[in-house]
Amino acid sequence: KHSLTRPIIRAITALLPKENKSFPTWLIPKSDETNLQDCSFFWKKYANVETHVTAKMEGESATYLFQPKRNIFGRKIEMGTYTVCSRNNAYFVKRGMPHLFDLSERLGIKEKLLAYFKKYGISLAIQGEVCGPKIHKNIYDFPCHWLFVYKIRDLTHARDLSYTELQKAIAELNNLEAGKFDLLRMVPVVEAYRDLKDLDLEDYENAERLCHLGFQKPFFDKGNQVLEAISGKKGKDYFLHEGVVVRGTNNEFSFKIKDAVYA
């Protein structure tokens, strides 16, 4: 209220950590898959490209990374600020998006990324779908939040890891901090190492059959592993995923197919 104290308050506020900023698209693109209907030109362009198909989990997108600090010549000199991102914003303090920070702490994402950087000198960004309480009716009945990873980006070399590299990186990150935290998980895989033409998705019935996936509850078995997705199932004991995501093994393309029955 007083003009004499305003400069002091501004100075103090400037020193406090910012709660959020815009999503760091200069480091990793936002997650936004194109619909199958808009990808008709893919059939010829990528016909012989090897693909993998994963379940489209019902949740919200999250990205975890260290925004690297650079010197005046642009060279990366250290890991920088640990950042937790929703689909559109980047957060630096827990009050901005507490459930994403709680999940990060339980999975030890910050510690795993640091351990990987110390071992290989490579900074990674982890992108996945967060599912659990208070997110889209929690159709999986999870008692806590889980992260299902669908992309890891090598920020040091500005490239997305291939399907095989993604699997290896998730295993490596879990092994680096084994026993200290819960596991990072990859999204459930439906098909792998098949050429796009072999999926024959120009045929609507094939596309609908591929994305019509049922799952049982509980989602995890007693060994804490994801139970197998079952095609074409819906009923008293089976529930539907939102659909699938089809992606080139080396990230040449990606698109989603949403289940018409689910929608």
Protein backbone atom coordinates (compact mmCIF):
# COMPACT_ATOMS: atom_id res chain seq x y z
CA LYS A 1 0.00 0.00 0.00
CA HIS A 2 2.90 2.35 0.63
CA SER A 3 5.13 3.76 -2.12
CA LEU A 4 8.26 3.52 0.02
CA THR A 5 7.93 -0.22 0.60
CA ARG A 6 6.96 -1.21 -2.95
CA PRO A 7 10.57 -1.35 -4.28
CA ILE A 8 11.56 -3.57 -1.34
CA ILE A 9 8.69 -6.01 -1.99
CA ARG A 10 9.52 -6.10 -5.72
CA ALA A 11 13.16 -6.91 -4.93
CA ILE A 12 12.19 -9.72 -2.54
CA THR A 13 9.68 -11.15 -5.01
CA ALA A 14 12.29 -11.17 -7.78
CA LEU A 15 14.54 -13.36 -5.65
CA LEU A 16 11.85 -15.98 -5.02
CA PRO A 17 11.72 -18.99 -7.36
CA LYS A 18 9.16 -18.62 -10.12
CA GLU A 19 6.25 -21.01 -9.76
CA ASN A 20 5.85 -21.67 -13.47
CA LYS A 21 6.80 -20.61 -16.98
CA SER A 22 5.82 -21.75 -20.45
CA PHE A 23 6.67 -25.30 -21.59
CA PRO A 24 10.34 -25.52 -22.79
CA THR A 25 9.58 -26.34 -26.44
CA TRP A 26 13.15 -25.38 -27.41
CA LEU A 27 14.28 -28.53 -25.57
CA ILE A 28 11.47 -31.02 -26.22
CA PRO A 29 8.21 -30.73 -28.20
CA LYS A 30 4.87 -30.91 -26.44
CA SER A 31 3.00 -34.19 -26.63
CA ASP A 32 0.32 -33.82 -29.28
CA GLU A 33 -0.31 -36.82 -31.51
CA THR A 34 -2.10 -36.40 -34.86
CA ASN A 35 -5.31 -38.34 -35.43
CA LEU A 36 -5.29 -41.28 -37.84
CA GLN A 37 -7.72 -39.47 -40.16
CA ASP A 38 -5.14 -36.74 -40.83
CA CYS A 39 -2.34 -39.19 -41.74
CA SER A 40 -3.46 -40.70 -45.06
CA PHE A 41 -0.21 -39.62 -46.77
CA PHE A 42 1.73 -41.79 -44.30
CA TRP A 43 0.71 -45.03 -46.01
CA LYS A 44 3.01 -44.50 -49.00
CA LYS A 45 5.68 -42.34 -47.38
CA TYR A 46 6.31 -44.68 -44.43
CA ALA A 47 5.00 -48.00 -45.79
CA ASN A 48 8.24 -49.88 -45.10
CA VAL A 49 9.11 -48.11 -41.86
CA GLU A 50 9.21 -50.34 -38.79
CA THR A 51 6.73 -49.34 -36.10
CA HIS A 52 5.63 -50.06 -32.57
CA VAL A 53 2.12 -49.66 -31.17
CA THR A 54 1.40 -48.74 -27.55
CA ALA A 55 -1.76 -48.33 -25.51
CA LYS A 56 -2.98 -44.75 -25.22
CA MET A 57 -3.28 -44.41 -21.48
CA GLU A 58 -6.06 -42.29 -20.01
CA GLY A 59 -4.22 -39.62 -18.04
CA GLU A 60 -2.38 -36.34 -18.36
CA SER A 61 0.94 -35.58 -20.04
CA ALA A 62 4.00 -34.85 -17.88
CA THR A 63 7.64 -34.12 -18.69
CA TYR A 64 10.61 -34.22 -16.31
CA LEU A 65 14.01 -32.71 -17.15
CA PHE A 66 16.89 -30.51 -16.09
CA GLN A 67 16.93 -27.31 -18.14
CA PRO A 68 20.67 -27.09 -18.96
CA LYS A 69 22.63 -23.95 -18.16
CA ARG A 70 24.84 -22.62 -20.94
CA ASN A 71 27.70 -20.17 -21.15
CA ILE A 72 27.66 -17.17 -23.49
CA PHE A 73 28.81 -19.36 -26.41
CA GLY A 74 25.89 -21.77 -26.00
CA ARG A 75 27.88 -24.74 -24.69
CA LYS A 76 26.15 -26.79 -21.99
CA ILE A 77 28.09 -26.52 -18.77
CA GLU A 78 25.83 -28.12 -16.13
CA MET A 79 22.44 -29.73 -15.58
CA GLY A 80 20.72 -26.53 -14.48
CA THR A 81 17.25 -26.33 -12.95
CA TYR A 82 15.13 -29.42 -12.35
CA THR A 83 11.80 -28.82 -14.06
CA VAL A 84 8.45 -30.58 -13.86
CA CYS A 85 6.11 -29.89 -16.78
CA SER A 86 2.44 -30.34 -17.40
CA ARG A 87 1.29 -30.29 -21.02
CA ASN A 88 1.57 -26.50 -21.32
CA ASN A 89 3.64 -25.21 -18.40
CA ALA A 90 6.94 -25.75 -16.62
CA TYR A 91 7.01 -25.76 -12.80
CA PHE A 92 9.95 -25.22 -10.47
CA VAL A 93 8.32 -25.43 -7.04
CA LYS A 94 6.01 -28.07 -5.63
CA ARG A 95 3.05 -25.82 -4.91
CA GLY A 96 2.56 -25.26 -8.63
CA MET A 97 1.71 -28.91 -9.44
CA PRO A 98 2.02 -30.95 -6.21
CA HIS A 99 0.88 -34.36 -7.51
CA LEU A 100 3.50 -34.30 -10.31
CA PHE A 101 6.23 -33.41 -7.80
CA ASP A 102 5.04 -36.10 -5.36
CA LEU A 103 5.22 -38.64 -8.20
CA SER A 104 8.72 -37.45 -9.11
CA GLU A 105 9.86 -37.90 -5.52
CA ARG A 106 8.38 -41.41 -5.25
CA LEU A 107 9.95 -42.54 -8.52
CA GLY A 108 13.22 -40.72 -7.84
CA ILE A 109 13.18 -39.13 -11.29
CA LYS A 110 15.50 -36.27 -10.32
CA GLU A 111 18.02 -38.65 -8.78
CA LYS A 112 17.84 -41.06 -11.73
CA LEU A 113 18.44 -38.28 -14.27
CA LEU A 114 21.41 -37.01 -12.26
CA ALA A 115 22.90 -40.50 -11.93
CA TYR A 116 22.54 -41.07 -15.68
CA PHE A 117 24.23 -37.74 -16.42
CA LYS A 118 27.11 -38.51 -14.09
CA LYS A 119 27.65 -41.92 -15.71
CA TYR A 120 27.24 -40.99 -19.38
CA GLY A 121 27.46 -37.19 -19.57
CA ILE A 122 24.04 -37.15 -21.26
CA SER A 123 21.06 -35.12 -20.08
CA LEU A 124 17.68 -36.80 -20.61
CA ALA A 125 14.10 -35.55 -20.63
CA ILE A 126 11.40 -38.06 -19.67
CA GLN A 127 7.92 -37.68 -21.12
CA GLY A 128 4.96 -39.84 -20.20
CA GLU A 129 1.33 -40.17 -19.18
CA VAL A 130 0.41 -39.74 -15.52
CA CYS A 131 -2.56 -41.86 -14.43
CA GLY A 132 -4.18 -42.10 -11.04
CA PRO A 133 -6.48 -40.45 -8.50
CA LYS A 134 -8.49 -37.42 -9.68
CA ILE A 135 -7.29 -37.77 -13.29
CA HIS A 136 -10.02 -38.63 -15.83
CA LYS A 137 -12.03 -40.65 -13.31
CA ASN A 138 -9.00 -42.89 -12.62
CA ILE A 139 -10.36 -45.70 -14.81
CA TYR A 140 -7.46 -47.97 -13.77
CA ASP A 141 -8.34 -47.72 -10.04
CA PHE A 142 -4.77 -46.80 -9.08
CA PRO A 143 -4.42 -45.96 -5.36
CA CYS A 144 -1.54 -43.60 -6.26
CA HIS A 145 -0.21 -41.92 -9.38
CA TRP A 146 1.96 -43.78 -11.92
CA LEU A 147 4.01 -42.51 -14.85
CA PHE A 148 3.94 -44.47 -18.11
CA VAL A 149 6.87 -43.33 -20.27
CA TYR A 150 6.38 -43.06 -24.03
CA LYS A 151 9.32 -40.82 -24.97
CA ILE A 152 12.82 -40.03 -23.71
CA ARG A 153 14.77 -37.25 -25.40
CA ASP A 154 18.55 -36.96 -25.36
CA LEU A 155 18.92 -33.22 -24.69
CA THR A 156 22.69 -33.33 -25.08
CA HIS A 157 22.44 -34.43 -28.72
CA ALA A 158 18.92 -33.07 -29.39
CA ARG A 159 17.30 -36.33 -30.49
CA ASP A 160 14.57 -38.71 -29.36
CA LEU A 161 15.64 -42.22 -28.38
CA SER A 162 14.55 -45.06 -30.65
CA TYR A 163 12.16 -47.74 -29.40
CA THR A 164 15.02 -50.08 -28.49
CA GLU A 165 17.02 -47.27 -26.85
CA LEU A 166 13.93 -46.19 -24.91
CA GLN A 167 13.54 -49.65 -23.40
CA LYS A 168 17.23 -49.78 -22.48
CA ALA A 169 17.21 -46.27 -20.99
CA ILE A 170 14.23 -47.03 -18.73
CA ALA A 171 15.93 -50.21 -17.49
CA GLU A 172 19.20 -48.33 -16.96
CA LEU A 173 17.53 -45.48 -15.05
CA ASN A 174 15.82 -47.97 -12.76
CA ASN A 175 19.06 -49.90 -12.18
CA LEU A 176 21.06 -46.78 -11.33
CA GLU A 177 18.91 -46.14 -8.26
CA ALA A 178 17.67 -49.71 -7.72
CA GLY A 179 15.80 -50.35 -4.50
CA LYS A 180 15.60 -46.69 -3.49
CA PHE A 181 12.53 -45.69 -5.50
CA ASP A 182 9.55 -47.11 -7.37
CA LEU A 183 10.05 -48.11 -11.00
CA LEU A 184 9.70 -46.05 -14.12
CA ARG A 185 7.40 -47.89 -16.52
CA MET A 186 7.02 -47.85 -20.26
CA VAL A 187 3.52 -47.57 -21.75
CA PRO A 188 2.08 -51.05 -22.47
CA VAL A 189 3.22 -52.31 -25.89
CA VAL A 190 0.61 -53.83 -28.21
CA GLU A 191 2.69 -54.49 -31.35
CA ALA A 192 6.41 -54.07 -32.06
CA TYR A 193 8.83 -54.30 -34.97
CA ARG A 194 6.18 -54.42 -37.71
CA ASP A 195 6.26 -52.39 -40.93
CA LEU A 196 3.48 -49.83 -41.18
CA LYS A 197 2.08 -51.44 -44.33
CA ASP A 198 1.67 -54.75 -42.46
CA LEU A 199 -0.75 -53.11 -40.01
CA ASP A 200 -3.02 -52.27 -42.99
CA LEU A 201 -4.57 -49.29 -41.23
CA GLU A 202 -6.10 -47.92 -44.44
CA ASP A 203 -8.81 -50.48 -43.73
CA TYR A 204 -11.02 -48.89 -41.06
CA GLU A 205 -11.92 -52.27 -39.55
CA ASN A 206 -8.24 -53.10 -39.00
CA ALA A 207 -7.65 -49.72 -37.36
CA GLU A 208 -10.67 -50.17 -35.10
CA ARG A 209 -9.59 -53.70 -34.17
CA LEU A 210 -6.07 -52.53 -33.31
CA CYS A 211 -7.18 -49.78 -30.97
CA HIS A 212 -9.98 -51.75 -29.29
CA LEU A 213 -8.05 -52.88 -26.23
CA GLY A 214 -9.43 -54.22 -22.99
CA PHE A 215 -7.68 -54.45 -19.64
CA GLN A 216 -8.57 -56.10 -16.37
CA LYS A 217 -8.46 -54.75 -12.85
CA PRO A 218 -6.19 -54.78 -11.00
CA PHE A 219 -3.96 -53.28 -13.67
CA PHE A 220 -0.81 -54.76 -12.10
CA ASP A 221 -0.28 -58.38 -11.15
CA LYS A 222 1.20 -59.56 -7.83
CA GLY A 223 4.69 -59.02 -9.23
CA ASN A 224 3.80 -55.38 -9.91
CA GLN A 225 3.96 -55.99 -13.66
CA VAL A 226 1.43 -54.65 -16.16
CA LEU A 227 -1.15 -57.28 -17.04
CA GLU A 228 -1.44 -58.03 -20.75
CA ALA A 229 -3.84 -55.89 -22.81
CA ILE A 230 -6.50 -57.99 -24.50
CA SER A 231 -7.83 -57.05 -27.93
CA GLY A 232 -11.54 -56.64 -28.53
CA LYS A 233 -12.61 -57.05 -24.92
CA LYS A 234 -15.22 -54.96 -23.14
CA GLY A 235 -17.65 -56.15 -20.53
CA LYS A 236 -18.14 -56.78 -16.86
CA ASP A 237 -14.52 -57.80 -16.24
CA TYR A 238 -12.79 -55.75 -18.95
CA PHE A 239 -12.37 -52.01 -19.38
CA LEU A 240 -11.18 -50.07 -22.42
CA HIS A 241 -8.05 -48.06 -23.06
CA GLU A 242 -8.55 -44.75 -24.86
CA GLY A 243 -6.94 -46.22 -28.00
CA VAL A 244 -3.40 -46.67 -29.30
CA VAL A 245 -0.44 -44.64 -30.52
CA VAL A 246 1.46 -45.86 -33.59
CA ARG A 247 5.06 -44.64 -33.80
CA GLY A 248 7.99 -45.29 -36.09
CA THR A 249 10.69 -47.29 -34.31
CA ASN A 250 13.14 -44.43 -34.90
CA ASN A 251 10.49 -41.71 -34.40
CA GLU A 252 9.95 -41.11 -38.10
CA PHE A 253 6.25 -40.44 -37.44
CA SER A 254 3.50 -40.94 -34.88
CA PHE A 255 -0.28 -40.78 -34.76
CA LYS A 256 -3.10 -41.89 -32.48
CA ILE A 257 -6.18 -44.02 -33.09
CA LYS A 258 -9.00 -43.41 -30.62
CA ASP A 259 -11.43 -46.19 -29.84
CA ALA A 260 -14.89 -45.31 -31.18
CA VAL A 261 -16.55 -47.50 -28.53
CA TYR A 262 -14.55 -45.80 -25.76
CA ALA A 263 -15.39 -42.33 -27.08
